[in-house]
Structures are given as C-alpha cells and as structure tokens.
Amino acid sequence: MAVSARDDAPQNHSQDEAAVHDEKKKKNSLLRSIVEFIVIVVVALALATGIRTFVIQPFFVPSGSMEQTLQINDRVVASKITTSVSGVGRGEIMVFKDPGNWLPVMQPAGDGWRSVMAKALTFVGLLPSDSGDDLVKRVIGIEGDRVACCNEAGQIVLNGVALDESSYINGPTDQVLFDVTVPNDGMFVMGDNRANSADSRFHLDQNDGAVPSDNAVGRVFTIVWPLSRITMETIPDIFGNPAIAAGNKFGN
C-alpha cells in the first residue's frame, strides 16, 4: 500500500527532537564534568596549601652543612604541626628562618613563566621550598641549657653532660670555644658537618648564638628523595639523658 509523504512528517519531527535532546544531554554532561573537575582541583589545591601551611612542608637541602645526615640536593619533609604543638626539642633537625645575616644575600629569582610556575607549585606544597631564607641545623640546646665547647675529648658539654655525637657528626667539633646559656625562647643550633657549618658557634655576638624559637619552621622527620636515601630521621638517644633536662636552668 502506498504511504503518502504527509505520513512521514511526524516521525521525522520526533527524530529531530530526540537528536536535539541527546545533544543537550551531551553538552550538559560535558559542562558538569568540567565543573566537577574544577571543583576537585580547587579543593585539592586548598587541601595541599593547608597541609603545607599547618602540617608538613617539603624542603630542598642546598648545602653540605648537615652531611652526612643530609646530603646536598636531598628533599626532606618537615613537620610543622609537631613544632607548633610540642615546641623545639633537643636533638631535632630543625628548619628555621634566617634570624639575620646568617645567609648571603640572594639574587631575586627571574619572573619568567617557569619561575612563576615553580613559585606557585612551591606555595601549594607540590615542590620543595628553596626560598633562600631557610636553614636546617640540629638543635643542641633549648632555652635555659648551658652549652659549652669542649671537654678534653673534644665533645660538646650540655648541662654538664658530655655528648657522644660520633654516630652522626662529620669531623671535629671544636673549631670555636664557647660557654653560653641559651636565652629565653631561643635554640642553639649546629650543623652535623661541624667543619663546614656556619651555625650558632659563629654568631655568638648575636643573642649568644641562639636562634629565636619563633623562627622554627618545623622538625625534619624524613628524607623522601632520592629514593636510595629514603629514611626516617629520629632524635639521637644521647639527648634523652635525664641529667640533661635536670641541669636546665628552667627545668625544661
């Protein structure tokens, strides 16, 4: 039986509407996916920034002052929250801000796109910090501690207790002779590579060499790069000697 052309019109119209509906669904689905992706990225960056600001932060080791414990170009992670909650402790490897004139003046970084990208990734914690005003040393004494160099064996004496640091220091430690009491809210720091570390010993004219505790950024608790050097950094047992705390001026 012959079918007139008019009989096809409603069917064609219905197919066109279905095609338009499908196209709208695809566009809406694509838009929804884009919005979800943007939200996920924003939330992830916000979380990363929050973690970097308050919890942990990666850092780049630029010098050999902490060899052999930390090597040049090591990537380490510092716990900010530990320092914020518990304060500065003896024996900790501490990242801290330059208290003034400890570091040479750095040339400002370029403002090309790579520099801008690196700064942005560092800000959110995806790249280790290399701001030029951070240092990393080991805390030898906290406020109220008497730190002296040295006994007859060439050892640091902390509150009357000789420190056997042979397990982690590199070279002799008696380049500078001193006998100081760490002032309030201060920390006396030294590099493990004693012969190549411009630390508290070389700034005794400033606050008896002490760094303000407020300058502490966070305790280094692990090396994360290179892979061959991944390790946890613990506090040497010698700093747990009860006689050290007992000899502190403030009973710390």
C-alpha atoms as a PDB file:
ATOM      1  CA  MET A   1       0.000   0.000   0.000  1.00  0.00           C
ATOM      2  CA  ALA A   2       1.364   3.419  -0.839  1.00  0.00           C
ATOM      3  CA  VAL A   3       2.177   5.773   2.007  1.00  0.00           C
ATOM      4  CA  SER A   4       1.809   9.468   1.494  1.00  0.00           C
ATOM      5  CA  ALA A   5       4.629  11.883   2.236  1.00  0.00           C
ATOM      6  CA  ARG A   6       2.495  13.520   4.907  1.00  0.00           C
ATOM      7  CA  ASP A   7       2.584  10.302   6.950  1.00  0.00           C
ATOM      8  CA  ASP A   8       6.437  10.655   7.344  1.00  0.00           C
ATOM      9  CA  ALA A   9       6.423  14.194   8.753  1.00  0.00           C
ATOM     10  CA  PRO A  10       5.510  13.399  12.411  1.00  0.00           C
ATOM     11  CA  GLN A  11       8.129  10.658  12.567  1.00  0.00           C
ATOM     12  CA  ASN A  12      10.890  12.923  11.203  1.00  0.00           C
ATOM     13  CA  HIS A  13       9.926  15.682  13.641  1.00  0.00           C
ATOM     14  CA  SER A  14      10.139  13.250  16.568  1.00  0.00           C
ATOM     15  CA  GLN A  15      13.581  12.088  15.461  1.00  0.00           C
ATOM     16  CA  ASP A  16      14.810  15.707  15.250  1.00  0.00           C
ATOM     17  CA  GLU A  17      13.581  16.415  18.768  1.00  0.00           C
ATOM     18  CA  ALA A  18      15.340  13.298  20.077  1.00  0.00           C
ATOM     19  CA  ALA A  19      18.577  14.343  18.383  1.00  0.00           C
ATOM     20  CA  VAL A  20      18.368  17.837  19.905  1.00  0.00           C
ATOM     21  CA  HIS A  21      17.632  16.327  23.323  1.00  0.00           C
ATOM     22  CA  ASP A  22      20.618  13.988  23.063  1.00  0.00           C
ATOM     23  CA  GLU A  23      22.866  16.884  22.045  1.00  0.00           C
ATOM     24  CA  LYS A  24      21.727  18.932  25.038  1.00  0.00           C
ATOM     25  CA  LYS A  25      22.371  15.967  27.335  1.00  0.00           C
ATOM     26  CA  LYS A  26      25.899  15.615  25.964  1.00  0.00           C
ATOM     27  CA  LYS A  27      26.601  19.326  26.441  1.00  0.00           C
ATOM     28  CA  ASN A  28      25.174  19.295  29.973  1.00  0.00           C
ATOM     29  CA  SER A  29      27.181  16.188  30.809  1.00  0.00           C
ATOM     30  CA  LEU A  30      30.377  17.785  29.471  1.00  0.00           C
ATOM     31  CA  LEU A  31      29.711  21.010  31.384  1.00  0.00           C
ATOM     32  CA  ARG A  32      29.004  19.062  34.569  1.00  0.00           C
ATOM     33  CA  SER A  33      32.240  17.100  34.135  1.00  0.00           C
ATOM     34  CA  ILE A  34      34.226  20.315  33.647  1.00  0.00           C
ATOM     35  CA  VAL A  35      32.666  21.898  36.734  1.00  0.00           C
ATOM     36  CA  GLU A  36      33.343  18.766  38.810  1.00  0.00           C
ATOM     37  CA  PHE A  37      36.952  18.696  37.615  1.00  0.00           C
ATOM     38  CA  ILE A  38      37.455  22.365  38.537  1.00  0.00           C
ATOM     39  CA  VAL A  39      35.907  21.818  41.977  1.00  0.00           C
ATOM     40  CA  ILE A  40      38.143  18.777  42.602  1.00  0.00           C
ATOM     41  CA  VAL A  41      41.261  20.703  41.547  1.00  0.00           C
ATOM     42  CA  VAL A  42      40.359  23.708  43.716  1.00  0.00           C
ATOM     43  CA  VAL A  43      39.618  21.514  46.734  1.00  0.00           C
ATOM     44  CA  ALA A  44      42.829  19.521  46.203  1.00  0.00           C
ATOM     45  CA  LEU A  45      44.912  22.713  45.951  1.00  0.00           C
ATOM     46  CA  ALA A  46      43.217  24.141  49.039  1.00  0.00           C
ATOM     47  CA  LEU A  47      43.966  20.952  50.978  1.00  0.00           C
ATOM     48  CA  ALA A  48      47.565  20.907  49.737  1.00  0.00           C
ATOM     49  CA  THR A  49      48.019  24.553  50.723  1.00  0.00           C
ATOM     50  CA  GLY A  50      46.506  23.904  54.149  1.00  0.00           C
ATOM     51  CA  ILE A  51      48.756  20.888  54.700  1.00  0.00           C
ATOM     52  CA  ARG A  52      51.809  22.885  53.626  1.00  0.00           C
ATOM     53  CA  THR A  53      50.903  25.826  55.850  1.00  0.00           C
ATOM     54  CA  PHE A  54      49.976  23.977  59.023  1.00  0.00           C
ATOM     55  CA  VAL A  55      51.028  20.317  58.892  1.00  0.00           C
ATOM     56  CA  ILE A  56      54.085  19.368  56.794  1.00  0.00           C
ATOM     57  CA  GLN A  57      56.238  21.010  54.137  1.00  0.00           C
ATOM     58  CA  PRO A  58      58.914  19.665  51.792  1.00  0.00           C
ATOM     59  CA  PHE A  59      62.293  21.387  51.619  1.00  0.00           C
ATOM     60  CA  PHE A  60      65.368  21.219  49.422  1.00  0.00           C
ATOM     61  CA  VAL A  61      68.815  20.866  51.037  1.00  0.00           C
ATOM     62  CA  PRO A  62      71.156  23.297  49.239  1.00  0.00           C
ATOM     63  CA  SER A  63      74.395  22.909  51.223  1.00  0.00           C
ATOM     64  CA  GLY A  64      76.613  20.345  52.903  1.00  0.00           C
ATOM     65  CA  SER A  65      76.397  21.739  56.453  1.00  0.00           C
ATOM     66  CA  MET A  66      74.373  18.719  57.642  1.00  0.00           C
ATOM     67  CA  GLU A  67      76.450  15.992  55.940  1.00  0.00           C
ATOM     68  CA  GLN A  68      76.462  13.068  56.288  1.00  0.00           C
ATOM     69  CA  THR A  69      72.980  13.106  57.790  1.00  0.00           C
ATOM     70  CA  LEU A  70      71.559  15.256  54.997  1.00  0.00           C
ATOM     71  CA  GLN A  71      73.203  15.449  51.609  1.00  0.00           C
ATOM     72  CA  ILE A  72      73.198  18.270  49.075  1.00  0.00           C
ATOM     73  CA  ASN A  73      70.048  18.056  46.909  1.00  0.00           C
ATOM     74  CA  ASP A  74      68.186  15.848  49.388  1.00  0.00           C
ATOM     75  CA  ARG A  75      64.456  16.501  49.566  1.00  0.00           C
ATOM     76  CA  VAL A  76      63.246  16.412  53.144  1.00  0.00           C
ATOM     77  CA  VAL A  77      59.884  16.870  54.848  1.00  0.00           C
ATOM     78  CA  ALA A  78      59.465  18.952  57.995  1.00  0.00           C
ATOM     79  CA  SER A  79      56.613  18.569  60.460  1.00  0.00           C
ATOM     80  CA  LYS A  80      55.228  22.000  61.246  1.00  0.00           C
ATOM     81  CA  ILE A  81      52.454  20.708  63.457  1.00  0.00           C
ATOM     82  CA  THR A  82      54.888  18.855  65.727  1.00  0.00           C
ATOM     83  CA  THR A  83      56.838  22.044  66.358  1.00  0.00           C
ATOM     84  CA  SER A  84      53.671  24.099  66.788  1.00  0.00           C
ATOM     85  CA  VAL A  85      52.270  21.695  69.377  1.00  0.00           C
ATOM     86  CA  SER A  86      55.388  20.465  71.200  1.00  0.00           C
ATOM     87  CA  GLY A  87      57.850  23.282  70.592  1.00  0.00           C
ATOM     88  CA  VAL A  88      61.540  22.862  69.838  1.00  0.00           C
ATOM     89  CA  GLY A  89      63.328  19.818  71.242  1.00  0.00           C
ATOM     90  CA  ARG A  90      66.970  18.905  71.766  1.00  0.00           C
ATOM     91  CA  GLY A  91      68.493  16.757  69.043  1.00  0.00           C
ATOM     92  CA  GLU A  92      65.860  17.625  66.436  1.00  0.00           C
ATOM     93  CA  ILE A  93      66.881  18.520  62.904  1.00  0.00           C
ATOM     94  CA  MET A  94      65.143  21.854  62.523  1.00  0.00           C
ATOM     95  CA  VAL A  95      64.270  24.009  59.539  1.00  0.00           C
ATOM     96  CA  PHE A  96      64.229  27.651  60.597  1.00  0.00           C
ATOM     97  CA  LYS A  97      64.125  31.128  59.140  1.00  0.00           C
ATOM     98  CA  ASP A  98      67.343  33.107  58.934  1.00  0.00           C
ATOM     99  CA  PRO A  99      67.481  35.166  62.158  1.00  0.00           C
ATOM    100  CA  GLY A 100      69.537  37.789  60.347  1.00  0.00           C
ATOM    101  CA  ASN A 101      72.789  37.809  58.382  1.00  0.00           C
ATOM    102  CA  TRP A 102      73.346  34.063  58.578  1.00  0.00           C
ATOM    103  CA  LEU A 103      72.827  33.669  54.856  1.00  0.00           C
ATOM    104  CA  PRO A 104      74.305  35.653  51.959  1.00  0.00           C
ATOM    105  CA  VAL A 105      72.006  37.993  50.093  1.00  0.00           C
ATOM    106  CA  MET A 106      70.232  36.020  47.382  1.00  0.00           C
ATOM    107  CA  GLN A 107      69.706  37.324  43.881  1.00  0.00           C
ATOM    108  CA  PRO A 108      65.981  37.673  43.153  1.00  0.00           C
ATOM    109  CA  ALA A 109      64.609  34.873  41.024  1.00  0.00           C
ATOM    110  CA  GLY A 110      63.531  35.590  37.483  1.00  0.00           C
ATOM    111  CA  ASP A 111      59.914  36.332  36.716  1.00  0.00           C
ATOM    112  CA  GLY A 112      59.558  34.132  33.637  1.00  0.00           C
ATOM    113  CA  TRP A 113      56.736  31.618  33.358  1.00  0.00           C
ATOM    114  CA  ARG A 114      58.878  28.795  34.713  1.00  0.00           C
ATOM    115  CA  SER A 115      59.763  30.810  37.809  1.00  0.00           C
ATOM    116  CA  VAL A 116      56.139  31.782  38.337  1.00  0.00           C
ATOM    117  CA  MET A 117      55.027  28.166  37.934  1.00  0.00           C
ATOM    118  CA  ALA A 118      57.712  26.948  40.356  1.00  0.00           C
ATOM    119  CA  LYS A 119      56.659  29.525  42.950  1.00  0.00           C
ATOM    120  CA  ALA A 120      53.010  28.511  42.586  1.00  0.00           C
ATOM    121  CA  LEU A 121      53.790  24.795  42.947  1.00  0.00           C
ATOM    122  CA  THR A 122      56.018  25.517  45.942  1.00  0.00           C
ATOM    123  CA  PHE A 123      53.261  27.594  47.544  1.00  0.00           C
ATOM    124  CA  VAL A 124      50.797  24.719  47.418  1.00  0.00           C
ATOM    125  CA  GLY A 125      53.437  22.237  48.549  1.00  0.00           C
ATOM    126  CA  LEU A 126      53.921  20.310  45.318  1.00  0.00           C
ATOM    127  CA  LEU A 127      57.564  21.413  45.041  1.00  0.00           C
ATOM    128  CA  PRO A 128      60.089  21.599  47.911  1.00  0.00           C
ATOM    129  CA  SER A 129      60.808  25.050  49.274  1.00  0.00           C
ATOM    130  CA  ASP A 130      64.067  26.713  48.269  1.00  0.00           C
ATOM    131  CA  SER A 131      63.195  30.273  49.246  1.00  0.00           C
ATOM    132  CA  GLY A 132      66.748  31.274  50.117  1.00  0.00           C
ATOM    133  CA  ASP A 133      65.956  32.265  53.720  1.00  0.00           C
ATOM    134  CA  ASP A 134      65.549  28.807  55.272  1.00  0.00           C
ATOM    135  CA  LEU A 135      68.312  26.952  57.105  1.00  0.00           C
ATOM    136  CA  VAL A 136      68.491  23.441  58.513  1.00  0.00           C
ATOM    137  CA  LYS A 137      70.609  22.512  61.551  1.00  0.00           C
ATOM    138  CA  ARG A 138      70.425  20.250  64.581  1.00  0.00           C
ATOM    139  CA  VAL A 139      69.118  21.715  67.836  1.00  0.00           C
ATOM    140  CA  ILE A 140      71.758  21.190  70.525  1.00  0.00           C
ATOM    141  CA  GLY A 141      70.303  23.301  73.314  1.00  0.00           C
ATOM    142  CA  ILE A 142      66.975  24.933  74.161  1.00  0.00           C
ATOM    143  CA  GLU A 143      66.235  27.874  76.450  1.00  0.00           C
ATOM    144  CA  GLY A 144      67.933  27.520  79.820  1.00  0.00           C
ATOM    145  CA  ASP A 145      70.512  24.995  78.605  1.00  0.00           C
ATOM    146  CA  ARG A 146      74.205  25.591  79.205  1.00  0.00           C
ATOM    147  CA  VAL A 147      76.155  24.623  76.091  1.00  0.00           C
ATOM    148  CA  ALA A 148      79.951  24.541  76.130  1.00  0.00           C
ATOM    149  CA  CYS A 149      82.766  23.519  73.853  1.00  0.00           C
ATOM    150  CA  CYS A 150      84.586  21.462  74.615  1.00  0.00           C
ATOM    151  CA  ASN A 151      85.785  18.854  77.095  1.00  0.00           C
ATOM    152  CA  GLU A 152      89.184  17.149  76.812  1.00  0.00           C
ATOM    153  CA  ALA A 153      87.722  14.655  74.348  1.00  0.00           C
ATOM    154  CA  GLY A 154      86.584  17.474  72.053  1.00  0.00           C
ATOM    155  CA  GLN A 155      82.914  16.887  72.877  1.00  0.00           C
ATOM    156  CA  ILE A 156      80.092  19.389  73.366  1.00  0.00           C
ATOM    157  CA  VAL A 157      79.013  19.551  77.021  1.00  0.00           C
ATOM    158  CA  LEU A 158      75.275  20.116  77.547  1.00  0.00           C
ATOM    159  CA  ASN A 159      74.207  20.962  81.101  1.00  0.00           C
ATOM    160  CA  GLY A 160      77.286  19.174  82.383  1.00  0.00           C
ATOM    161  CA  VAL A 161      76.720  16.080  80.225  1.00  0.00           C
ATOM    162  CA  ALA A 162      79.293  15.264  77.537  1.00  0.00           C
ATOM    163  CA  LEU A 163      77.600  14.429  74.244  1.00  0.00           C
ATOM    164  CA  ASP A 164      78.930  11.457  72.308  1.00  0.00           C
ATOM    165  CA  GLU A 165      77.872  12.573  68.825  1.00  0.00           C
ATOM    166  CA  SER A 166      80.150  10.217  66.919  1.00  0.00           C
ATOM    167  CA  SER A 167      77.179   8.433  65.326  1.00  0.00           C
ATOM    168  CA  TYR A 168      76.097  11.437  63.276  1.00  0.00           C
ATOM    169  CA  ILE A 169      78.627  14.300  63.213  1.00  0.00           C
ATOM    170  CA  ASN A 170      81.217  14.675  60.490  1.00  0.00           C
ATOM    171  CA  GLY A 171      84.640  15.856  61.644  1.00  0.00           C
ATOM    172  CA  PRO A 172      85.804  17.582  64.842  1.00  0.00           C
ATOM    173  CA  THR A 173      83.506  19.971  66.673  1.00  0.00           C
ATOM    174  CA  ASP A 174      85.953  22.284  68.461  1.00  0.00           C
ATOM    175  CA  GLN A 175      86.513  24.957  65.817  1.00  0.00           C
ATOM    176  CA  VAL A 176      85.133  27.602  68.214  1.00  0.00           C
ATOM    177  CA  LEU A 177      85.433  27.525  72.011  1.00  0.00           C
ATOM    178  CA  PHE A 178      82.435  28.857  73.938  1.00  0.00           C
ATOM    179  CA  ASP A 179      80.372  28.518  77.086  1.00  0.00           C
ATOM    180  CA  VAL A 180      76.886  30.016  76.874  1.00  0.00           C
ATOM    181  CA  THR A 181      73.432  29.675  78.388  1.00  0.00           C
ATOM    182  CA  VAL A 182      70.664  29.673  75.798  1.00  0.00           C
ATOM    183  CA  PRO A 183      68.386  32.676  76.469  1.00  0.00           C
ATOM    184  CA  ASN A 184      64.602  32.592  76.804  1.00  0.00           C
ATOM    185  CA  ASP A 185      62.755  31.475  73.673  1.00  0.00           C
ATOM    186  CA  GLY A 186      65.996  30.542  71.959  1.00  0.00           C
ATOM    187  CA  MET A 187      67.646  27.465  70.465  1.00  0.00           C
ATOM    188  CA  PHE A 188      71.345  26.762  69.972  1.00  0.00           C
ATOM    189  CA  VAL A 189      71.884  25.005  66.645  1.00  0.00           C
ATOM    190  CA  MET A 190      74.813  23.293  64.968  1.00  0.00           C
ATOM    191  CA  GLY A 191      75.333  21.519  61.669  1.00  0.00           C
ATOM    192  CA  ASP A 192      76.321  17.857  61.724  1.00  0.00           C
ATOM    193  CA  ASN A 193      79.189  18.702  59.369  1.00  0.00           C
ATOM    194  CA  ARG A 194      80.928  20.673  62.085  1.00  0.00           C
ATOM    195  CA  ALA A 195      83.890  21.754  59.965  1.00  0.00           C
ATOM    196  CA  ASN A 196      81.599  23.215  57.292  1.00  0.00           C
ATOM    197  CA  SER A 197      78.696  24.793  59.124  1.00  0.00           C
ATOM    198  CA  ALA A 198      78.315  28.492  59.934  1.00  0.00           C
ATOM    199  CA  ASP A 199      75.969  27.864  62.849  1.00  0.00           C
ATOM    200  CA  SER A 200      75.367  29.280  66.338  1.00  0.00           C
ATOM    201  CA  ARG A 201      79.080  28.999  67.136  1.00  0.00           C
ATOM    202  CA  PHE A 202      79.868  31.657  64.562  1.00  0.00           C
ATOM    203  CA  HIS A 203      77.166  34.087  65.696  1.00  0.00           C
ATOM    204  CA  LEU A 204      77.906  34.280  69.412  1.00  0.00           C
ATOM    205  CA  ASP A 205      77.827  38.079  69.233  1.00  0.00           C
ATOM    206  CA  GLN A 206      74.114  37.881  68.396  1.00  0.00           C
ATOM    207  CA  ASN A 207      71.986  36.614  71.287  1.00  0.00           C
ATOM    208  CA  ASP A 208      74.813  34.265  72.349  1.00  0.00           C
ATOM    209  CA  GLY A 209      74.357  32.446  69.061  1.00  0.00           C
ATOM    210  CA  ALA A 210      70.759  31.490  69.814  1.00  0.00           C
ATOM    211  CA  VAL A 211      68.080  31.493  67.136  1.00  0.00           C
ATOM    212  CA  PRO A 212      64.638  32.722  68.283  1.00  0.00           C
ATOM    213  CA  SER A 213      62.325  29.748  68.707  1.00  0.00           C
ATOM    214  CA  ASP A 214      59.689  31.695  66.771  1.00  0.00           C
ATOM    215  CA  ASN A 215      61.927  31.256  63.714  1.00  0.00           C
ATOM    216  CA  ALA A 216      61.498  27.486  63.868  1.00  0.00           C
ATOM    217  CA  VAL A 217      59.528  26.212  60.865  1.00  0.00           C
ATOM    218  CA  GLY A 218      59.392  22.501  61.537  1.00  0.00           C
ATOM    219  CA  ARG A 219      61.287  19.372  62.524  1.00  0.00           C
ATOM    220  CA  VAL A 220      62.742  17.299  59.677  1.00  0.00           C
ATOM    221  CA  PHE A 221      61.420  13.781  60.139  1.00  0.00           C
ATOM    222  CA  THR A 222      62.161  12.105  56.803  1.00  0.00           C
ATOM    223  CA  ILE A 223      64.197  12.191  53.619  1.00  0.00           C
ATOM    224  CA  VAL A 224      61.967  11.485  50.622  1.00  0.00           C
ATOM    225  CA  TRP A 225      64.363  11.925  47.696  1.00  0.00           C
ATOM    226  CA  PRO A 226      66.437  10.459  46.188  1.00  0.00           C
ATOM    227  CA  LEU A 227      64.788   7.073  46.572  1.00  0.00           C
ATOM    228  CA  SER A 228      68.056   5.461  47.617  1.00  0.00           C
ATOM    229  CA  ARG A 229      68.172   7.737  50.671  1.00  0.00           C
ATOM    230  CA  ILE A 230      64.598   7.473  51.928  1.00  0.00           C
ATOM    231  CA  THR A 231      64.786   7.238  55.716  1.00  0.00           C
ATOM    232  CA  MET A 232      63.187   8.490  58.913  1.00  0.00           C
ATOM    233  CA  GLU A 233      65.212  10.982  60.950  1.00  0.00           C
ATOM    234  CA  THR A 234      64.988  10.275  64.672  1.00  0.00           C
ATOM    235  CA  ILE A 235      66.406  12.090  67.695  1.00  0.00           C
ATOM    236  CA  PRO A 236      69.721  10.584  68.889  1.00  0.00           C
ATOM    237  CA  ASP A 237      69.390   8.709  72.189  1.00  0.00           C
ATOM    238  CA  ILE A 238      72.018  10.867  73.906  1.00  0.00           C
ATOM    239  CA  PHE A 239      69.562  13.770  74.113  1.00  0.00           C
ATOM    240  CA  GLY A 240      67.214  11.648  76.201  1.00  0.00           C
ATOM    241  CA  ASN A 241      69.650  11.514  79.117  1.00  0.00           C
ATOM    242  CA  PRO A 242      67.622  12.666  82.184  1.00  0.00           C
ATOM    243  CA  ALA A 243      70.668  14.524  83.536  1.00  0.00           C
ATOM    244  CA  ILE A 244      70.444  16.969  80.623  1.00  0.00           C
ATOM    245  CA  ALA A 245      66.893  18.047  81.453  1.00  0.00           C
ATOM    246  CA  ALA A 246      67.746  18.091  85.174  1.00  0.00           C
ATOM    247  CA  GLY A 247      70.565  20.545  84.525  1.00  0.00           C
ATOM    248  CA  ASN A 248      68.400  23.007  82.597  1.00  0.00           C
ATOM    249  CA  LYS A 249      68.122  26.454  84.180  1.00  0.00           C
ATOM    250  CA  PHE A 250      64.345  26.459  83.771  1.00  0.00           C
ATOM    251  CA  GLY A 251      63.819  22.771  84.434  1.00  0.00           C
ATOM    252  CA  ASN A 252      62.996  22.033  80.763  1.00  0.00           C
END
